[in-house]
Amino acid sequence: MKKKDVLELTNKFYVYHRSNSKVDNFKLINEINTVGGSKIKAYGVYFNFDKDLYKNKGKFLHSVALDIKNPYITEDQMYSAIITKDKKDELTKNGFDSVVLVLKGKIIELIAFKKSQIKIADIS
């Protein structure tokens, strides 16, 4: 998928984020558990186009408009799974404002780096 197509979809349609509480101000650094049980910090806020995809991530669904201008587009799920501080710093140093995971021509996940990119439309 080309950058032009990613930007058209991303900036035209709402994306979704689930959490266990209503959020009006997303945290850009989150501590998550790895498969081995250790904790690691992930940078950015994760979204997708399928509101049912991550039902287990929380009972509140946030509908959001994103303002993404220069995404780093990848087909590597391991790369996008956890955005570390070093990875985020390198991406922003190279002018990227987000990461978009694309598989088989479909956007699977979007990761925004700044709060200013996120506009909450609805919480249900």
C-alpha atoms as a PDB file:
ATOM      1  CA  MET A   1       0.000   0.000   0.000  1.00  0.00           C
ATOM      2  CA  LYS A   2       1.372   3.384  -0.991  1.00  0.00           C
ATOM      3  CA  LYS A   3       1.741   6.340   1.369  1.00  0.00           C
ATOM      4  CA  LYS A   4      -0.910   8.301  -0.558  1.00  0.00           C
ATOM      5  CA  ASP A   5      -3.455   5.489   0.000  1.00  0.00           C
ATOM      6  CA  VAL A   6      -2.552   5.161   3.682  1.00  0.00           C
ATOM      7  CA  LEU A   7      -2.983   8.912   4.240  1.00  0.00           C
ATOM      8  CA  GLU A   8      -6.291   9.005   2.389  1.00  0.00           C
ATOM      9  CA  LEU A   9      -7.776   6.224   4.533  1.00  0.00           C
ATOM     10  CA  THR A  10      -6.207   7.308   7.802  1.00  0.00           C
ATOM     11  CA  ASN A  11      -7.213  10.942   7.596  1.00  0.00           C
ATOM     12  CA  LYS A  12     -10.692  10.272   6.158  1.00  0.00           C
ATOM     13  CA  PHE A  13     -12.151   7.631   8.480  1.00  0.00           C
ATOM     14  CA  TYR A  14     -12.378   7.129  12.234  1.00  0.00           C
ATOM     15  CA  VAL A  15     -10.077   4.615  13.874  1.00  0.00           C
ATOM     16  CA  TYR A  16     -10.626   2.838  17.176  1.00  0.00           C
ATOM     17  CA  HIS A  17      -8.889   2.305  20.492  1.00  0.00           C
ATOM     18  CA  ARG A  18     -10.122   0.204  23.436  1.00  0.00           C
ATOM     19  CA  SER A  19      -9.382   0.703  27.121  1.00  0.00           C
ATOM     20  CA  ASN A  20     -10.791  -0.206  30.521  1.00  0.00           C
ATOM     21  CA  SER A  21     -11.650   3.426  31.242  1.00  0.00           C
ATOM     22  CA  LYS A  22     -12.928   6.415  29.336  1.00  0.00           C
ATOM     23  CA  VAL A  23      -9.902   8.326  28.135  1.00  0.00           C
ATOM     24  CA  ASP A  24      -9.922  11.962  27.101  1.00  0.00           C
ATOM     25  CA  ASN A  25      -6.145  12.284  27.102  1.00  0.00           C
ATOM     26  CA  PHE A  26      -4.163   9.317  25.814  1.00  0.00           C
ATOM     27  CA  LYS A  27      -0.869   8.325  27.444  1.00  0.00           C
ATOM     28  CA  LEU A  28       1.989   8.271  24.963  1.00  0.00           C
ATOM     29  CA  ILE A  29       4.090   5.900  27.089  1.00  0.00           C
ATOM     30  CA  ASN A  30       2.489   2.708  28.358  1.00  0.00           C
ATOM     31  CA  GLU A  31       3.931  -0.135  30.357  1.00  0.00           C
ATOM     32  CA  ILE A  32       2.938  -3.480  28.907  1.00  0.00           C
ATOM     33  CA  ASN A  33       3.547  -7.105  29.843  1.00  0.00           C
ATOM     34  CA  THR A  34       5.597  -9.240  27.477  1.00  0.00           C
ATOM     35  CA  VAL A  35       4.959 -12.913  26.799  1.00  0.00           C
ATOM     36  CA  GLY A  36       7.737 -13.788  29.272  1.00  0.00           C
ATOM     37  CA  GLY A  37       6.044 -11.759  32.012  1.00  0.00           C
ATOM     38  CA  SER A  38       8.468  -8.850  32.113  1.00  0.00           C
ATOM     39  CA  LYS A  39       7.340  -5.260  31.603  1.00  0.00           C
ATOM     40  CA  ILE A  40       8.465  -2.968  28.808  1.00  0.00           C
ATOM     41  CA  LYS A  41       7.584   0.593  27.851  1.00  0.00           C
ATOM     42  CA  ALA A  42       5.798   1.089  24.539  1.00  0.00           C
ATOM     43  CA  TYR A  43       5.728   4.532  22.936  1.00  0.00           C
ATOM     44  CA  GLY A  44       2.759   5.850  20.962  1.00  0.00           C
ATOM     45  CA  VAL A  45      -0.971   5.146  20.979  1.00  0.00           C
ATOM     46  CA  TYR A  46      -2.263   2.147  19.027  1.00  0.00           C
ATOM     47  CA  PHE A  47      -5.406   2.262  16.841  1.00  0.00           C
ATOM     48  CA  ASN A  48      -7.103   0.158  14.172  1.00  0.00           C
ATOM     49  CA  PHE A  49     -10.050   0.300  11.778  1.00  0.00           C
ATOM     50  CA  ASP A  50     -11.815  -2.790  13.196  1.00  0.00           C
ATOM     51  CA  LYS A  51     -13.684  -1.863  16.376  1.00  0.00           C
ATOM     52  CA  ASP A  52     -14.204  -5.533  17.283  1.00  0.00           C
ATOM     53  CA  LEU A  53     -10.574  -6.621  16.811  1.00  0.00           C
ATOM     54  CA  TYR A  54      -9.356  -5.944  20.358  1.00  0.00           C
ATOM     55  CA  LYS A  55     -12.522  -6.463  22.427  1.00  0.00           C
ATOM     56  CA  ASN A  56     -10.377  -8.081  25.145  1.00  0.00           C
ATOM     57  CA  LYS A  57      -8.369  -4.844  25.560  1.00  0.00           C
ATOM     58  CA  GLY A  58     -11.160  -3.008  27.348  1.00  0.00           C
ATOM     59  CA  LYS A  59     -14.864  -2.280  27.585  1.00  0.00           C
ATOM     60  CA  PHE A  60     -14.695   1.319  26.322  1.00  0.00           C
ATOM     61  CA  LEU A  61     -14.401   1.968  22.605  1.00  0.00           C
ATOM     62  CA  HIS A  62     -12.918   5.311  21.572  1.00  0.00           C
ATOM     63  CA  SER A  63     -13.710   6.548  18.061  1.00  0.00           C
ATOM     64  CA  VAL A  64     -10.904   8.839  16.980  1.00  0.00           C
ATOM     65  CA  ALA A  65      -9.869  10.992  14.042  1.00  0.00           C
ATOM     66  CA  LEU A  66      -6.141  10.926  13.395  1.00  0.00           C
ATOM     67  CA  ASP A  67      -4.017  13.597  11.779  1.00  0.00           C
ATOM     68  CA  ILE A  68      -1.106  11.681  10.300  1.00  0.00           C
ATOM     69  CA  LYS A  69       1.188  13.347   7.788  1.00  0.00           C
ATOM     70  CA  ASN A  70       4.257  11.131   7.343  1.00  0.00           C
ATOM     71  CA  PRO A  71       3.774   7.525   8.490  1.00  0.00           C
ATOM     72  CA  TYR A  72       6.453   4.872   8.495  1.00  0.00           C
ATOM     73  CA  ILE A  73       4.707   2.041   6.646  1.00  0.00           C
ATOM     74  CA  THR A  74       5.763  -1.512   7.448  1.00  0.00           C
ATOM     75  CA  GLU A  75       4.650  -5.082   6.798  1.00  0.00           C
ATOM     76  CA  ASP A  76       6.716  -6.311   9.763  1.00  0.00           C
ATOM     77  CA  GLN A  77       4.392  -7.193  12.654  1.00  0.00           C
ATOM     78  CA  MET A  78       7.299  -7.653  15.046  1.00  0.00           C
ATOM     79  CA  TYR A  79       8.553  -4.138  14.253  1.00  0.00           C
ATOM     80  CA  SER A  80       5.205  -2.515  15.019  1.00  0.00           C
ATOM     81  CA  ALA A  81       4.304  -4.741  17.991  1.00  0.00           C
ATOM     82  CA  ILE A  82       6.262  -2.629  20.462  1.00  0.00           C
ATOM     83  CA  ILE A  83       7.608   0.813  19.642  1.00  0.00           C
ATOM     84  CA  THR A  84      10.512   1.363  22.043  1.00  0.00           C
ATOM     85  CA  LYS A  85      11.945   4.773  22.897  1.00  0.00           C
ATOM     86  CA  ASP A  86      14.963   4.156  20.651  1.00  0.00           C
ATOM     87  CA  LYS A  87      12.748   3.099  17.756  1.00  0.00           C
ATOM     88  CA  LYS A  88      10.435   6.113  18.192  1.00  0.00           C
ATOM     89  CA  ASP A  89      13.398   8.501  18.487  1.00  0.00           C
ATOM     90  CA  GLU A  90      14.952   7.121  15.291  1.00  0.00           C
ATOM     91  CA  LEU A  91      11.651   7.365  13.403  1.00  0.00           C
ATOM     92  CA  THR A  92      10.945  10.943  14.510  1.00  0.00           C
ATOM     93  CA  LYS A  93      14.551  11.932  13.744  1.00  0.00           C
ATOM     94  CA  ASN A  94      13.885  10.736  10.186  1.00  0.00           C
ATOM     95  CA  GLY A  95      10.657  12.767   9.929  1.00  0.00           C
ATOM     96  CA  PHE A  96       8.065  10.074  10.626  1.00  0.00           C
ATOM     97  CA  ASP A  97       5.102  10.950  12.867  1.00  0.00           C
ATOM     98  CA  SER A  98       3.548   7.481  13.147  1.00  0.00           C
ATOM     99  CA  VAL A  99       3.814   3.801  12.233  1.00  0.00           C
ATOM    100  CA  VAL A 100       1.269   2.000  10.065  1.00  0.00           C
ATOM    101  CA  LEU A 101       1.221  -1.800   9.821  1.00  0.00           C
ATOM    102  CA  VAL A 102      -0.088  -2.998   6.442  1.00  0.00           C
ATOM    103  CA  LEU A 103      -0.654  -6.679   5.684  1.00  0.00           C
ATOM    104  CA  LYS A 104      -1.953  -7.998   2.348  1.00  0.00           C
ATOM    105  CA  GLY A 105      -2.922  -4.488   1.278  1.00  0.00           C
ATOM    106  CA  LYS A 106      -4.954  -3.787   4.434  1.00  0.00           C
ATOM    107  CA  ILE A 107      -4.129  -1.395   7.285  1.00  0.00           C
ATOM    108  CA  ILE A 108      -4.008  -3.468  10.462  1.00  0.00           C
ATOM    109  CA  GLU A 109      -2.657  -1.026  13.034  1.00  0.00           C
ATOM    110  CA  LEU A 110      -1.781   2.657  13.356  1.00  0.00           C
ATOM    111  CA  ILE A 111       0.491   4.098  16.023  1.00  0.00           C
ATOM    112  CA  ALA A 112       0.389   7.855  16.636  1.00  0.00           C
ATOM    113  CA  PHE A 113       3.337   9.540  18.371  1.00  0.00           C
ATOM    114  CA  LYS A 114       1.785  12.860  19.472  1.00  0.00           C
ATOM    115  CA  LYS A 115      -1.371  13.795  21.353  1.00  0.00           C
ATOM    116  CA  SER A 116      -1.994  16.583  18.843  1.00  0.00           C
ATOM    117  CA  GLN A 117      -2.594  13.889  16.187  1.00  0.00           C
ATOM    118  CA  ILE A 118      -5.540  12.440  18.128  1.00  0.00           C
ATOM    119  CA  LYS A 119      -9.049  13.932  18.180  1.00  0.00           C
ATOM    120  CA  ILE A 120     -11.623  11.933  20.132  1.00  0.00           C
ATOM    121  CA  ALA A 121     -14.993  11.824  18.380  1.00  0.00           C
ATOM    122  CA  ASP A 122     -16.933   9.440  20.639  1.00  0.00           C
ATOM    123  CA  ILE A 123     -16.556   7.054  23.573  1.00  0.00           C
ATOM    124  CA  SER A 124     -18.969   4.137  23.996  1.00  0.00           C
END
